[in-house]
Amino acid sequence: MSTATRATLSATTIIGDSVNNPQGENLGTIKDIMLDLDTGRVAYAVLSYGGFLGMGDKLFAVPWNAMRLDAPNHAFVLDVDQERLKEAEGFDPNEWPDMADQSWGRRLHDFYGAQPYWE
């Protein structure tokens, strides 16, 4: 029997975590995580970027596998610069996209250079 352990995090510890790029620029914070109900996998992190004190924020769905955990800093790393993120397909906090739409998901994964999680 294996004695290896696996680390886990609760959703509440991830919500509000910073997302930075490898250059240390802040890209926003994790506002929510989205689960694929068919597979039980985490599909996307919803990133809040811009605005001031929560007003005027733009939301972005980021493929979960496009980020990596930076555990010592209680943050995540996304290999995108701030200017590129401004070009990302975002959405209004009151009008979320259909995240089950695979054509939308494919565009998103292509933008971030990530393999679609359902393949």
PDB file of N, CA and C in Angstrom:
ATOM      1  N   MET A   1       0.830  -1.167   0.000  1.00  0.00           N
ATOM      2  CA  MET A   1       0.000   0.000   0.000  1.00  0.00           C
ATOM      3  C   MET A   1       0.887   1.247   0.000  1.00  0.00           C
ATOM      4  N   SER A   2       0.519   2.240  -0.818  1.00  0.00           N
ATOM      5  CA  SER A   2       1.298   3.463  -0.955  1.00  0.00           C
ATOM      6  C   SER A   2       1.142   4.348   0.272  1.00  0.00           C
ATOM      7  N   THR A   3       2.241   4.994   0.658  1.00  0.00           N
ATOM      8  CA  THR A   3       2.191   5.930   1.773  1.00  0.00           C
ATOM      9  C   THR A   3       2.223   7.370   1.288  1.00  0.00           C
ATOM     10  N   ALA A   4       2.171   7.576  -0.033  1.00  0.00           N
ATOM     11  CA  ALA A   4       2.180   8.930  -0.587  1.00  0.00           C
ATOM     12  C   ALA A   4       0.897   9.656  -0.206  1.00  0.00           C
ATOM     13  N   THR A   5       1.036  10.942   0.040  1.00  0.00           N
ATOM     14  CA  THR A   5      -0.140  11.754   0.364  1.00  0.00           C
ATOM     15  C   THR A   5      -0.380  12.745  -0.757  1.00  0.00           C
ATOM     16  N   ARG A   6      -1.621  13.184  -0.856  1.00  0.00           N
ATOM     17  CA  ARG A   6      -1.996  14.149  -1.876  1.00  0.00           C
ATOM     18  C   ARG A   6      -2.517  15.391  -1.169  1.00  0.00           C
ATOM     19  N   ALA A   7      -2.057  16.541  -1.608  1.00  0.00           N
ATOM     20  CA  ALA A   7      -2.521  17.792  -1.017  1.00  0.00           C
ATOM     21  C   ALA A   7      -3.871  18.166  -1.626  1.00  0.00           C
ATOM     22  N   THR A   8      -4.705  18.755  -0.823  1.00  0.00           N
ATOM     23  CA  THR A   8      -5.998  19.228  -1.291  1.00  0.00           C
ATOM     24  C   THR A   8      -6.235  20.623  -0.742  1.00  0.00           C
ATOM     25  N   LEU A   9      -7.093  21.359  -1.426  1.00  0.00           N
ATOM     26  CA  LEU A   9      -7.493  22.692  -0.992  1.00  0.00           C
ATOM     27  C   LEU A   9      -9.003  22.780  -1.041  1.00  0.00           C
ATOM     28  N   SER A  10      -9.581  23.509  -0.120  1.00  0.00           N
ATOM     29  CA  SER A  10     -11.020  23.739  -0.196  1.00  0.00           C
ATOM     30  C   SER A  10     -11.277  24.943  -1.092  1.00  0.00           C
ATOM     31  N   ALA A  11     -12.467  24.994  -1.676  1.00  0.00           N
ATOM     32  CA  ALA A  11     -12.828  26.112  -2.548  1.00  0.00           C
ATOM     33  C   ALA A  11     -12.732  27.429  -1.792  1.00  0.00           C
ATOM     34  N   THR A  12     -13.116  27.435  -0.531  1.00  0.00           N
ATOM     35  CA  THR A  12     -13.093  28.700   0.212  1.00  0.00           C
ATOM     36  C   THR A  12     -11.683  29.222   0.438  1.00  0.00           C
ATOM     37  N   THR A  13     -10.680  28.343   0.424  1.00  0.00           N
ATOM     38  CA  THR A  13      -9.309  28.831   0.573  1.00  0.00           C
ATOM     39  C   THR A  13      -8.772  29.372  -0.734  1.00  0.00           C
ATOM     40  N   ILE A  14      -9.365  28.988  -1.857  1.00  0.00           N
ATOM     41  CA  ILE A  14      -8.914  29.441  -3.176  1.00  0.00           C
ATOM     42  C   ILE A  14      -9.584  30.757  -3.564  1.00  0.00           C
ATOM     43  N   ILE A  15     -10.857  30.919  -3.225  1.00  0.00           N
ATOM     44  CA  ILE A  15     -11.578  32.142  -3.563  1.00  0.00           C
ATOM     45  C   ILE A  15     -10.852  33.327  -2.929  1.00  0.00           C
ATOM     46  N   GLY A  16     -10.544  34.317  -3.742  1.00  0.00           N
ATOM     47  CA  GLY A  16      -9.829  35.493  -3.271  1.00  0.00           C
ATOM     48  C   GLY A  16      -8.329  35.416  -3.431  1.00  0.00           C
ATOM     49  N   ASP A  17      -7.799  34.237  -3.817  1.00  0.00           N
ATOM     50  CA  ASP A  17      -6.362  34.126  -4.041  1.00  0.00           C
ATOM     51  C   ASP A  17      -5.951  34.965  -5.241  1.00  0.00           C
ATOM     52  N   SER A  18      -4.756  35.501  -5.170  1.00  0.00           N
ATOM     53  CA  SER A  18      -4.195  36.278  -6.275  1.00  0.00           C
ATOM     54  C   SER A  18      -3.791  35.362  -7.414  1.00  0.00           C
ATOM     55  N   VAL A  19      -3.874  35.915  -8.610  1.00  0.00           N
ATOM     56  CA  VAL A  19      -3.343  35.255  -9.803  1.00  0.00           C
ATOM     57  C   VAL A  19      -2.313  36.213 -10.380  1.00  0.00           C
ATOM     58  N   ASN A  20      -1.108  35.734 -10.521  1.00  0.00           N
ATOM     59  CA  ASN A  20      -0.003  36.540 -11.026  1.00  0.00           C
ATOM     60  C   ASN A  20       0.581  35.873 -12.257  1.00  0.00           C
ATOM     61  N   ASN A  21       1.310  36.643 -13.042  1.00  0.00           N
ATOM     62  CA  ASN A  21       2.042  36.016 -14.141  1.00  0.00           C
ATOM     63  C   ASN A  21       3.470  35.738 -13.660  1.00  0.00           C
ATOM     64  N   PRO A  22       4.268  35.019 -14.446  1.00  0.00           N
ATOM     65  CA  PRO A  22       5.628  34.687 -13.997  1.00  0.00           C
ATOM     66  C   PRO A  22       6.498  35.915 -13.727  1.00  0.00           C
ATOM     67  N   GLN A  23       6.142  37.071 -14.304  1.00  0.00           N
ATOM     68  CA  GLN A  23       6.891  38.299 -14.069  1.00  0.00           C
ATOM     69  C   GLN A  23       6.477  38.984 -12.767  1.00  0.00           C
ATOM     70  N   GLY A  24       5.487  38.417 -12.066  1.00  0.00           N
ATOM     71  CA  GLY A  24       5.049  38.964 -10.800  1.00  0.00           C
ATOM     72  C   GLY A  24       3.942  39.996 -10.912  1.00  0.00           C
ATOM     73  N   GLU A  25       3.450  40.269 -12.129  1.00  0.00           N
ATOM     74  CA  GLU A  25       2.348  41.214 -12.294  1.00  0.00           C
ATOM     75  C   GLU A  25       1.057  40.572 -11.808  1.00  0.00           C
ATOM     76  N   ASN A  26       0.265  41.331 -11.067  1.00  0.00           N
ATOM     77  CA  ASN A  26      -1.013  40.826 -10.588  1.00  0.00           C
ATOM     78  C   ASN A  26      -2.026  40.856 -11.724  1.00  0.00           C
ATOM     79  N   LEU A  27      -2.676  39.713 -11.956  1.00  0.00           N
ATOM     80  CA  LEU A  27      -3.681  39.591 -13.009  1.00  0.00           C
ATOM     81  C   LEU A  27      -5.096  39.581 -12.442  1.00  0.00           C
ATOM     82  N   GLY A  28      -5.231  39.638 -11.140  1.00  0.00           N
ATOM     83  CA  GLY A  28      -6.552  39.644 -10.533  1.00  0.00           C
ATOM     84  C   GLY A  28      -6.641  38.641  -9.399  1.00  0.00           C
ATOM     85  N   THR A  29      -7.883  38.311  -9.057  1.00  0.00           N
ATOM     86  CA  THR A  29      -8.127  37.349  -7.990  1.00  0.00           C
ATOM     87  C   THR A  29      -9.158  36.320  -8.442  1.00  0.00           C
ATOM     88  N   ILE A  30      -9.099  35.161  -7.825  1.00  0.00           N
ATOM     89  CA  ILE A  30     -10.065  34.117  -8.134  1.00  0.00           C
ATOM     90  C   ILE A  30     -11.374  34.450  -7.423  1.00  0.00           C
ATOM     91  N   LYS A  31     -12.414  34.598  -8.214  1.00  0.00           N
ATOM     92  CA  LYS A  31     -13.728  34.938  -7.682  1.00  0.00           C
ATOM     93  C   LYS A  31     -14.580  33.686  -7.477  1.00  0.00           C
ATOM     94  N   ASP A  32     -14.361  32.672  -8.330  1.00  0.00           N
ATOM     95  CA  ASP A  32     -15.165  31.455  -8.260  1.00  0.00           C
ATOM     96  C   ASP A  32     -14.427  30.344  -8.981  1.00  0.00           C
ATOM     97  N   ILE A  33     -14.864  29.126  -8.752  1.00  0.00           N
ATOM     98  CA  ILE A  33     -14.371  28.002  -9.539  1.00  0.00           C
ATOM     99  C   ILE A  33     -15.583  27.282 -10.112  1.00  0.00           C
ATOM    100  N   MET A  34     -15.417  26.747 -11.311  1.00  0.00           N
ATOM    101  CA  MET A  34     -16.513  26.085 -12.011  1.00  0.00           C
ATOM    102  C   MET A  34     -16.174  24.606 -12.166  1.00  0.00           C
ATOM    103  N   LEU A  35     -17.111  23.757 -11.795  1.00  0.00           N
ATOM    104  CA  LEU A  35     -16.935  22.313 -11.906  1.00  0.00           C
ATOM    105  C   LEU A  35     -17.674  21.790 -13.126  1.00  0.00           C
ATOM    106  N   ASP A  36     -17.085  20.811 -13.788  1.00  0.00           N
ATOM    107  CA  ASP A  36     -17.772  20.087 -14.850  1.00  0.00           C
ATOM    108  C   ASP A  36     -18.584  18.998 -14.147  1.00  0.00           C
ATOM    109  N   LEU A  37     -19.887  19.108 -14.211  1.00  0.00           N
ATOM    110  CA  LEU A  37     -20.740  18.176 -13.465  1.00  0.00           C
ATOM    111  C   LEU A  37     -20.692  16.761 -14.015  1.00  0.00           C
ATOM    112  N   ASP A  38     -20.370  16.603 -15.299  1.00  0.00           N
ATOM    113  CA  ASP A  38     -20.289  15.256 -15.865  1.00  0.00           C
ATOM    114  C   ASP A  38     -19.057  14.501 -15.388  1.00  0.00           C
ATOM    115  N   THR A  39     -17.937  15.225 -15.215  1.00  0.00           N
ATOM    116  CA  THR A  39     -16.696  14.555 -14.842  1.00  0.00           C
ATOM    117  C   THR A  39     -16.288  14.798 -13.393  1.00  0.00           C
ATOM    118  N   GLY A  40     -16.853  15.843 -12.777  1.00  0.00           N
ATOM    119  CA  GLY A  40     -16.465  16.186 -11.417  1.00  0.00           C
ATOM    120  C   GLY A  40     -15.148  16.933 -11.333  1.00  0.00           C
ATOM    121  N   ARG A  41     -14.607  17.319 -12.487  1.00  0.00           N
ATOM    122  CA  ARG A  41     -13.325  18.017 -12.521  1.00  0.00           C
ATOM    123  C   ARG A  41     -13.524  19.521 -12.417  1.00  0.00           C
ATOM    124  N   VAL A  42     -12.524  20.209 -11.890  1.00  0.00           N
ATOM    125  CA  VAL A  42     -12.532  21.664 -11.936  1.00  0.00           C
ATOM    126  C   VAL A  42     -12.245  22.052 -13.385  1.00  0.00           C
ATOM    127  N   ALA A  43     -13.147  22.814 -13.968  1.00  0.00           N
ATOM    128  CA  ALA A  43     -13.010  23.202 -15.367  1.00  0.00           C
ATOM    129  C   ALA A  43     -12.348  24.565 -15.519  1.00  0.00           C
ATOM    130  N   TYR A  44     -12.843  25.542 -14.760  1.00  0.00           N
ATOM    131  CA  TYR A  44     -12.378  26.914 -14.914  1.00  0.00           C
ATOM    132  C   TYR A  44     -12.259  27.606 -13.565  1.00  0.00           C
ATOM    133  N   ALA A  45     -11.365  28.561 -13.517  1.00  0.00           N
ATOM    134  CA  ALA A  45     -11.343  29.534 -12.435  1.00  0.00           C
ATOM    135  C   ALA A  45     -11.937  30.805 -13.031  1.00  0.00           C
ATOM    136  N   VAL A  46     -12.786  31.464 -12.282  1.00  0.00           N
ATOM    137  CA  VAL A  46     -13.323  32.750 -12.721  1.00  0.00           C
ATOM    138  C   VAL A  46     -12.466  33.815 -12.061  1.00  0.00           C
ATOM    139  N   LEU A  47     -11.797  34.577 -12.904  1.00  0.00           N
ATOM    140  CA  LEU A  47     -10.846  35.586 -12.469  1.00  0.00           C
ATOM    141  C   LEU A  47     -11.478  36.961 -12.552  1.00  0.00           C
ATOM    142  N   SER A  48     -11.345  37.738 -11.500  1.00  0.00           N
ATOM    143  CA  SER A  48     -11.826  39.120 -11.470  1.00  0.00           C
ATOM    144  C   SER A  48     -10.630  40.029 -11.678  1.00  0.00           C
ATOM    145  N   TYR A  49     -10.742  40.927 -12.661  1.00  0.00           N
ATOM    146  CA  TYR A  49      -9.629  41.810 -12.996  1.00  0.00           C
ATOM    147  C   TYR A  49     -10.151  43.210 -13.280  1.00  0.00           C
ATOM    148  N   GLY A  50      -9.446  44.199 -12.799  1.00  0.00           N
ATOM    149  CA  GLY A  50      -9.818  45.585 -13.074  1.00  0.00           C
ATOM    150  C   GLY A  50     -10.787  46.113 -12.047  1.00  0.00           C
ATOM    151  N   GLY A  51     -11.273  47.296 -12.320  1.00  0.00           N
ATOM    152  CA  GLY A  51     -12.239  47.908 -11.420  1.00  0.00           C
ATOM    153  C   GLY A  51     -11.569  48.420 -10.157  1.00  0.00           C
ATOM    154  N   PHE A  52     -12.393  48.913  -9.263  1.00  0.00           N
ATOM    155  CA  PHE A  52     -11.908  49.463  -8.007  1.00  0.00           C
ATOM    156  C   PHE A  52     -12.890  49.084  -6.910  1.00  0.00           C
ATOM    157  N   LEU A  53     -12.399  48.429  -5.869  1.00  0.00           N
ATOM    158  CA  LEU A  53     -13.226  47.986  -4.746  1.00  0.00           C
ATOM    159  C   LEU A  53     -14.421  47.154  -5.202  1.00  0.00           C
ATOM    160  N   GLY A  54     -14.179  46.303  -6.200  1.00  0.00           N
ATOM    161  CA  GLY A  54     -15.231  45.406  -6.678  1.00  0.00           C
ATOM    162  C   GLY A  54     -16.171  46.030  -7.687  1.00  0.00           C
ATOM    163  N   MET A  55     -16.014  47.306  -7.982  1.00  0.00           N
ATOM    164  CA  MET A  55     -16.886  47.984  -8.948  1.00  0.00           C
ATOM    165  C   MET A  55     -16.178  48.034 -10.304  1.00  0.00           C
ATOM    166  N   GLY A  56     -16.895  47.662 -11.351  1.00  0.00           N
ATOM    167  CA  GLY A  56     -16.341  47.728 -12.694  1.00  0.00           C
ATOM    168  C   GLY A  56     -15.425  46.577 -13.042  1.00  0.00           C
ATOM    169  N   ASP A  57     -15.396  45.557 -12.193  1.00  0.00           N
ATOM    170  CA  ASP A  57     -14.563  44.397 -12.488  1.00  0.00           C
ATOM    171  C   ASP A  57     -15.051  43.712 -13.745  1.00  0.00           C
ATOM    172  N   LYS A  58     -14.104  43.179 -14.493  1.00  0.00           N
ATOM    173  CA  LYS A  58     -14.410  42.327 -15.632  1.00  0.00           C
ATOM    174  C   LYS A  58     -14.041  40.915 -15.193  1.00  0.00           C
ATOM    175  N   LEU A  59     -14.873  39.949 -15.548  1.00  0.00           N
ATOM    176  CA  LEU A  59     -14.602  38.560 -15.191  1.00  0.00           C
ATOM    177  C   LEU A  59     -14.081  37.804 -16.396  1.00  0.00           C
ATOM    178  N   PHE A  60     -13.208  36.846 -16.130  1.00  0.00           N
ATOM    179  CA  PHE A  60     -12.635  35.994 -17.161  1.00  0.00           C
ATOM    180  C   PHE A  60     -12.682  34.553 -16.668  1.00  0.00           C
ATOM    181  N   ALA A  61     -13.100  33.651 -17.511  1.00  0.00           N
ATOM    182  CA  ALA A  61     -12.979  32.232 -17.200  1.00  0.00           C
ATOM    183  C   ALA A  61     -11.614  31.796 -17.714  1.00  0.00           C
ATOM    184  N   VAL A  62     -10.855  31.187 -16.852  1.00  0.00           N
ATOM    185  CA  VAL A  62      -9.515  30.724 -17.213  1.00  0.00           C
ATOM    186  C   VAL A  62      -9.488  29.217 -17.024  1.00  0.00           C
ATOM    187  N   PRO A  63      -9.067  28.475 -18.051  1.00  0.00           N
ATOM    188  CA  PRO A  63      -8.977  27.018 -17.878  1.00  0.00           C
ATOM    189  C   PRO A  63      -8.121  26.683 -16.652  1.00  0.00           C
ATOM    190  N   TRP A  64      -8.635  25.806 -15.828  1.00  0.00           N
ATOM    191  CA  TRP A  64      -7.935  25.433 -14.602  1.00  0.00           C
ATOM    192  C   TRP A  64      -6.530  24.939 -14.902  1.00  0.00           C
ATOM    193  N   ASN A  65      -6.392  24.181 -16.001  1.00  0.00           N
ATOM    194  CA  ASN A  65      -5.077  23.619 -16.314  1.00  0.00           C
ATOM    195  C   ASN A  65      -4.129  24.633 -16.950  1.00  0.00           C
ATOM    196  N   ALA A  66      -4.562  25.888 -17.141  1.00  0.00           N
ATOM    197  CA  ALA A  66      -3.676  26.934 -17.644  1.00  0.00           C
ATOM    198  C   ALA A  66      -2.917  27.608 -16.495  1.00  0.00           C
ATOM    199  N   MET A  67      -3.314  27.299 -15.267  1.00  0.00           N
ATOM    200  CA  MET A  67      -2.684  27.908 -14.097  1.00  0.00           C
ATOM    201  C   MET A  67      -1.926  26.853 -13.312  1.00  0.00           C
ATOM    202  N   ARG A  68      -0.995  27.345 -12.507  1.00  0.00           N
ATOM    203  CA  ARG A  68      -0.311  26.442 -11.580  1.00  0.00           C
ATOM    204  C   ARG A  68      -0.318  27.083 -10.201  1.00  0.00           C
ATOM    205  N   LEU A  69      -0.328  26.256  -9.210  1.00  0.00           N
ATOM    206  CA  LEU A  69      -0.372  26.710  -7.825  1.00  0.00           C
ATOM    207  C   LEU A  69       0.998  27.210  -7.388  1.00  0.00           C
ATOM    208  N   ASP A  70       1.022  28.354  -6.740  1.00  0.00           N
ATOM    209  CA  ASP A  70       2.209  28.893  -6.086  1.00  0.00           C
ATOM    210  C   ASP A  70       1.918  28.846  -4.587  1.00  0.00           C
ATOM    211  N   ALA A  71       2.019  27.638  -4.018  1.00  0.00           N
ATOM    212  CA  ALA A  71       1.599  27.396  -2.637  1.00  0.00           C
ATOM    213  C   ALA A  71       2.290  28.294  -1.612  1.00  0.00           C
ATOM    214  N   PRO A  72       3.605  28.509  -1.699  1.00  0.00           N
ATOM    215  CA  PRO A  72       4.243  29.347  -0.674  1.00  0.00           C
ATOM    216  C   PRO A  72       3.670  30.770  -0.611  1.00  0.00           C
ATOM    217  N   ASN A  73       3.178  31.270  -1.740  1.00  0.00           N
ATOM    218  CA  ASN A  73       2.624  32.627  -1.782  1.00  0.00           C
ATOM    219  C   ASN A  73       1.108  32.656  -1.750  1.00  0.00           C
ATOM    220  N   HIS A  74       0.483  31.490  -1.557  1.00  0.00           N
ATOM    221  CA  HIS A  74      -0.977  31.379  -1.510  1.00  0.00           C
ATOM    222  C   HIS A  74      -1.586  32.083  -2.730  1.00  0.00           C
ATOM    223  N   ALA A  75      -1.068  31.707  -3.904  1.00  0.00           N
ATOM    224  CA  ALA A  75      -1.473  32.346  -5.159  1.00  0.00           C
ATOM    225  C   ALA A  75      -1.420  31.329  -6.290  1.00  0.00           C
ATOM    226  N   PHE A  76      -1.840  31.773  -7.462  1.00  0.00           N
ATOM    227  CA  PHE A  76      -1.739  30.973  -8.674  1.00  0.00           C
ATOM    228  C   PHE A  76      -0.951  31.756  -9.705  1.00  0.00           C
ATOM    229  N   VAL A  77      -0.349  31.034 -10.642  1.00  0.00           N
ATOM    230  CA  VAL A  77       0.432  31.656 -11.713  1.00  0.00           C
ATOM    231  C   VAL A  77      -0.213  31.308 -13.042  1.00  0.00           C
ATOM    232  N   LEU A  78      -0.428  32.333 -13.848  1.00  0.00           N
ATOM    233  CA  LEU A  78      -0.980  32.208 -15.190  1.00  0.00           C
ATOM    234  C   LEU A  78       0.009  32.869 -16.125  1.00  0.00           C
ATOM    235  N   ASP A  79       0.487  32.135 -17.116  1.00  0.00           N
ATOM    236  CA  ASP A  79       1.519  32.653 -18.015  1.00  0.00           C
ATOM    237  C   ASP A  79       0.904  33.523 -19.110  1.00  0.00           C
ATOM    238  N   VAL A  80       0.420  34.705 -18.708  1.00  0.00           N
ATOM    239  CA  VAL A  80      -0.182  35.685 -19.615  1.00  0.00           C
ATOM    240  C   VAL A  80       0.222  37.060 -19.100  1.00  0.00           C
ATOM    241  N   ASP A  81       0.627  37.963 -20.002  1.00  0.00           N
ATOM    242  CA  ASP A  81       0.915  39.307 -19.506  1.00  0.00           C
ATOM    243  C   ASP A  81      -0.378  40.123 -19.434  1.00  0.00           C
ATOM    244  N   GLN A  82      -0.311  41.238 -18.727  1.00  0.00           N
ATOM    245  CA  GLN A  82      -1.506  42.039 -18.496  1.00  0.00           C
ATOM    246  C   GLN A  82      -2.132  42.527 -19.798  1.00  0.00           C
ATOM    247  N   GLU A  83      -1.327  42.899 -20.763  1.00  0.00           N
ATOM    248  CA  GLU A  83      -1.870  43.386 -22.042  1.00  0.00           C
ATOM    249  C   GLU A  83      -2.632  42.280 -22.767  1.00  0.00           C
ATOM    250  N   ARG A  84      -2.120  41.070 -22.735  1.00  0.00           N
ATOM    251  CA  ARG A  84      -2.807  39.934 -23.380  1.00  0.00           C
ATOM    252  C   ARG A  84      -4.126  39.643 -22.658  1.00  0.00           C
ATOM    253  N   LEU A  85      -4.121  39.725 -21.347  1.00  0.00           N
ATOM    254  CA  LEU A  85      -5.344  39.469 -20.597  1.00  0.00           C
ATOM    255  C   LEU A  85      -6.440  40.465 -20.979  1.00  0.00           C
ATOM    256  N   LYS A  86      -6.053  41.692 -21.273  1.00  0.00           N
ATOM    257  CA  LYS A  86      -7.038  42.699 -21.682  1.00  0.00           C
ATOM    258  C   LYS A  86      -7.741  42.304 -22.983  1.00  0.00           C
ATOM    259  N   GLU A  87      -7.096  41.456 -23.795  1.00  0.00           N
ATOM    260  CA  GLU A  87      -7.679  40.983 -25.053  1.00  0.00           C
ATOM    261  C   GLU A  87      -8.542  39.734 -24.868  1.00  0.00           C
ATOM    262  N   ALA A  88      -8.503  39.149 -23.679  1.00  0.00           N
ATOM    263  CA  ALA A  88      -9.242  37.913 -23.420  1.00  0.00           C
ATOM    264  C   ALA A  88     -10.745  38.172 -23.471  1.00  0.00           C
ATOM    265  N   GLU A  89     -11.475  37.128 -23.813  1.00  0.00           N
ATOM    266  CA  GLU A  89     -12.939  37.191 -23.826  1.00  0.00           C
ATOM    267  C   GLU A  89     -13.434  37.196 -22.383  1.00  0.00           C
ATOM    268  N   GLY A  90     -13.880  38.337 -21.935  1.00  0.00           N
ATOM    269  CA  GLY A  90     -14.377  38.464 -20.582  1.00  0.00           C
ATOM    270  C   GLY A  90     -15.895  38.525 -20.585  1.00  0.00           C
ATOM    271  N   PHE A  91     -16.460  38.706 -19.411  1.00  0.00           N
ATOM    272  CA  PHE A  91     -17.907  38.802 -19.313  1.00  0.00           C
ATOM    273  C   PHE A  91     -18.294  39.642 -18.106  1.00  0.00           C
ATOM    274  N   ASP A  92     -19.498  40.127 -18.155  1.00  0.00           N
ATOM    275  CA  ASP A  92     -20.058  40.960 -17.108  1.00  0.00           C
ATOM    276  C   ASP A  92     -20.460  40.073 -15.925  1.00  0.00           C
ATOM    277  N   PRO A  93     -20.262  40.534 -14.700  1.00  0.00           N
ATOM    278  CA  PRO A  93     -20.640  39.723 -13.533  1.00  0.00           C
ATOM    279  C   PRO A  93     -22.118  39.320 -13.504  1.00  0.00           C
ATOM    280  N   ASN A  94     -22.973  40.041 -14.216  1.00  0.00           N
ATOM    281  CA  ASN A  94     -24.401  39.719 -14.235  1.00  0.00           C
ATOM    282  C   ASN A  94     -24.821  38.905 -15.456  1.00  0.00           C
ATOM    283  N   GLU A  95     -23.904  38.633 -16.380  1.00  0.00           N
ATOM    284  CA  GLU A  95     -24.222  37.880 -17.600  1.00  0.00           C
ATOM    285  C   GLU A  95     -23.109  36.887 -17.913  1.00  0.00           C
ATOM    286  N   TRP A  96     -23.165  35.748 -17.271  1.00  0.00           N
ATOM    287  CA  TRP A  96     -22.139  34.733 -17.454  1.00  0.00           C
ATOM    288  C   TRP A  96     -22.378  33.964 -18.748  1.00  0.00           C
ATOM    289  N   PRO A  97     -21.305  33.521 -19.397  1.00  0.00           N
ATOM    290  CA  PRO A  97     -21.460  32.707 -20.608  1.00  0.00           C
ATOM    291  C   PRO A  97     -21.914  31.292 -20.253  1.00  0.00           C
ATOM    292  N   ASP A  98     -22.326  30.560 -21.265  1.00  0.00           N
ATOM    293  CA  ASP A  98     -22.679  29.148 -21.095  1.00  0.00           C
ATOM    294  C   ASP A  98     -21.377  28.353 -21.082  1.00  0.00           C
ATOM    295  N   MET A  99     -20.880  28.052 -19.924  1.00  0.00           N
ATOM    296  CA  MET A  99     -19.585  27.389 -19.796  1.00  0.00           C
ATOM    297  C   MET A  99     -19.629  25.923 -20.194  1.00  0.00           C
ATOM    298  N   ALA A 100     -20.808  25.396 -20.453  1.00  0.00           N
ATOM    299  CA  ALA A 100     -20.928  24.029 -20.956  1.00  0.00           C
ATOM    300  C   ALA A 100     -20.809  23.980 -22.478  1.00  0.00           C
ATOM    301  N   ASP A 101     -20.804  25.134 -23.133  1.00  0.00           N
ATOM    302  CA  ASP A 101     -20.695  25.226 -24.589  1.00  0.00           C
ATOM    303  C   ASP A 101     -19.248  24.916 -24.989  1.00  0.00           C
ATOM    304  N   GLN A 102     -19.036  23.774 -25.647  1.00  0.00           N
ATOM    305  CA  GLN A 102     -17.673  23.371 -25.981  1.00  0.00           C
ATOM    306  C   GLN A 102     -17.012  24.271 -27.017  1.00  0.00           C
ATOM    307  N   SER A 103     -17.766  24.922 -27.900  1.00  0.00           N
ATOM    308  CA  SER A 103     -17.126  25.842 -28.852  1.00  0.00           C
ATOM    309  C   SER A 103     -16.577  27.055 -28.103  1.00  0.00           C
ATOM    310  N   TRP A 104     -17.325  27.545 -27.116  1.00  0.00           N
ATOM    311  CA  TRP A 104     -16.826  28.625 -26.263  1.00  0.00           C
ATOM    312  C   TRP A 104     -15.594  28.140 -25.499  1.00  0.00           C
ATOM    313  N   GLY A 105     -15.687  26.950 -24.939  1.00  0.00           N
ATOM    314  CA  GLY A 105     -14.576  26.385 -24.178  1.00  0.00           C
ATOM    315  C   GLY A 105     -13.330  26.181 -25.015  1.00  0.00           C
ATOM    316  N   ARG A 106     -13.502  25.756 -26.258  1.00  0.00           N
ATOM    317  CA  ARG A 106     -12.349  25.549 -27.141  1.00  0.00           C
ATOM    318  C   ARG A 106     -11.652  26.877 -27.433  1.00  0.00           C
ATOM    319  N   ARG A 107     -12.440  27.938 -27.723  1.00  0.00           N
ATOM    320  CA  ARG A 107     -11.843  29.263 -27.949  1.00  0.00           C
ATOM    321  C   ARG A 107     -11.035  29.704 -26.724  1.00  0.00           C
ATOM    322  N   LEU A 108     -11.606  29.470 -25.574  1.00  0.00           N
ATOM    323  CA  LEU A 108     -10.958  29.856 -24.331  1.00  0.00           C
ATOM    324  C   LEU A 108      -9.646  29.098 -24.127  1.00  0.00           C
ATOM    325  N   HIS A 109      -9.696  27.791 -24.290  1.00  0.00           N
ATOM    326  CA  HIS A 109      -8.484  26.986 -24.136  1.00  0.00           C
ATOM    327  C   HIS A 109      -7.430  27.376 -25.172  1.00  0.00           C
ATOM    328  N   ASP A 110      -7.839  27.646 -26.402  1.00  0.00           N
ATOM    329  CA  ASP A 110      -6.897  28.083 -27.438  1.00  0.00           C
ATOM    330  C   ASP A 110      -6.230  29.395 -27.041  1.00  0.00           C
ATOM    331  N   PHE A 111      -7.021  30.346 -26.527  1.00  0.00           N
ATOM    332  CA  PHE A 111      -6.486  31.650 -26.143  1.00  0.00           C
ATOM    333  C   PHE A 111      -5.386  31.503 -25.094  1.00  0.00           C
ATOM    334  N   TYR A 112      -5.595  30.634 -24.122  1.00  0.00           N
ATOM    335  CA  TYR A 112      -4.632  30.458 -23.037  1.00  0.00           C
ATOM    336  C   TYR A 112      -3.597  29.367 -23.322  1.00  0.00           C
ATOM    337  N   GLY A 113      -3.679  28.741 -24.497  1.00  0.00           N
ATOM    338  CA  GLY A 113      -2.715  27.712 -24.857  1.00  0.00           C
ATOM    339  C   GLY A 113      -2.814  26.460 -24.002  1.00  0.00           C
ATOM    340  N   ALA A 114      -4.028  26.120 -23.594  1.00  0.00           N
ATOM    341  CA  ALA A 114      -4.232  24.960 -22.725  1.00  0.00           C
ATOM    342  C   ALA A 114      -4.999  23.867 -23.466  1.00  0.00           C
ATOM    343  N   GLN A 115      -4.714  22.633 -23.138  1.00  0.00           N
ATOM    344  CA  GLN A 115      -5.435  21.489 -23.689  1.00  0.00           C
ATOM    345  C   GLN A 115      -6.834  21.453 -23.088  1.00  0.00           C
ATOM    346  N   PRO A 116      -7.892  21.370 -23.893  1.00  0.00           N
ATOM    347  CA  PRO A 116      -9.233  21.253 -23.310  1.00  0.00           C
ATOM    348  C   PRO A 116      -9.297  20.065 -22.354  1.00  0.00           C
ATOM    349  N   TYR A 117      -9.839  20.295 -21.197  1.00  0.00           N
ATOM    350  CA  TYR A 117      -9.858  19.276 -20.144  1.00  0.00           C
ATOM    351  C   TYR A 117     -10.706  18.077 -20.510  1.00  0.00           C
ATOM    352  N   TRP A 118     -11.641  18.210 -21.457  1.00  0.00           N
ATOM    353  CA  TRP A 118     -12.533  17.115 -21.816  1.00  0.00           C
ATOM    354  C   TRP A 118     -11.921  16.192 -22.857  1.00  0.00           C
ATOM    355  N   GLU A 119     -10.740  16.525 -23.370  1.00  0.00           N
ATOM    356  CA  GLU A 119     -10.094  15.656 -24.373  1.00  0.00           C
ATOM    357  C   GLU A 119      -9.133  14.692 -23.711  1.00  0.00           C
TER     358      GLU A 119
END
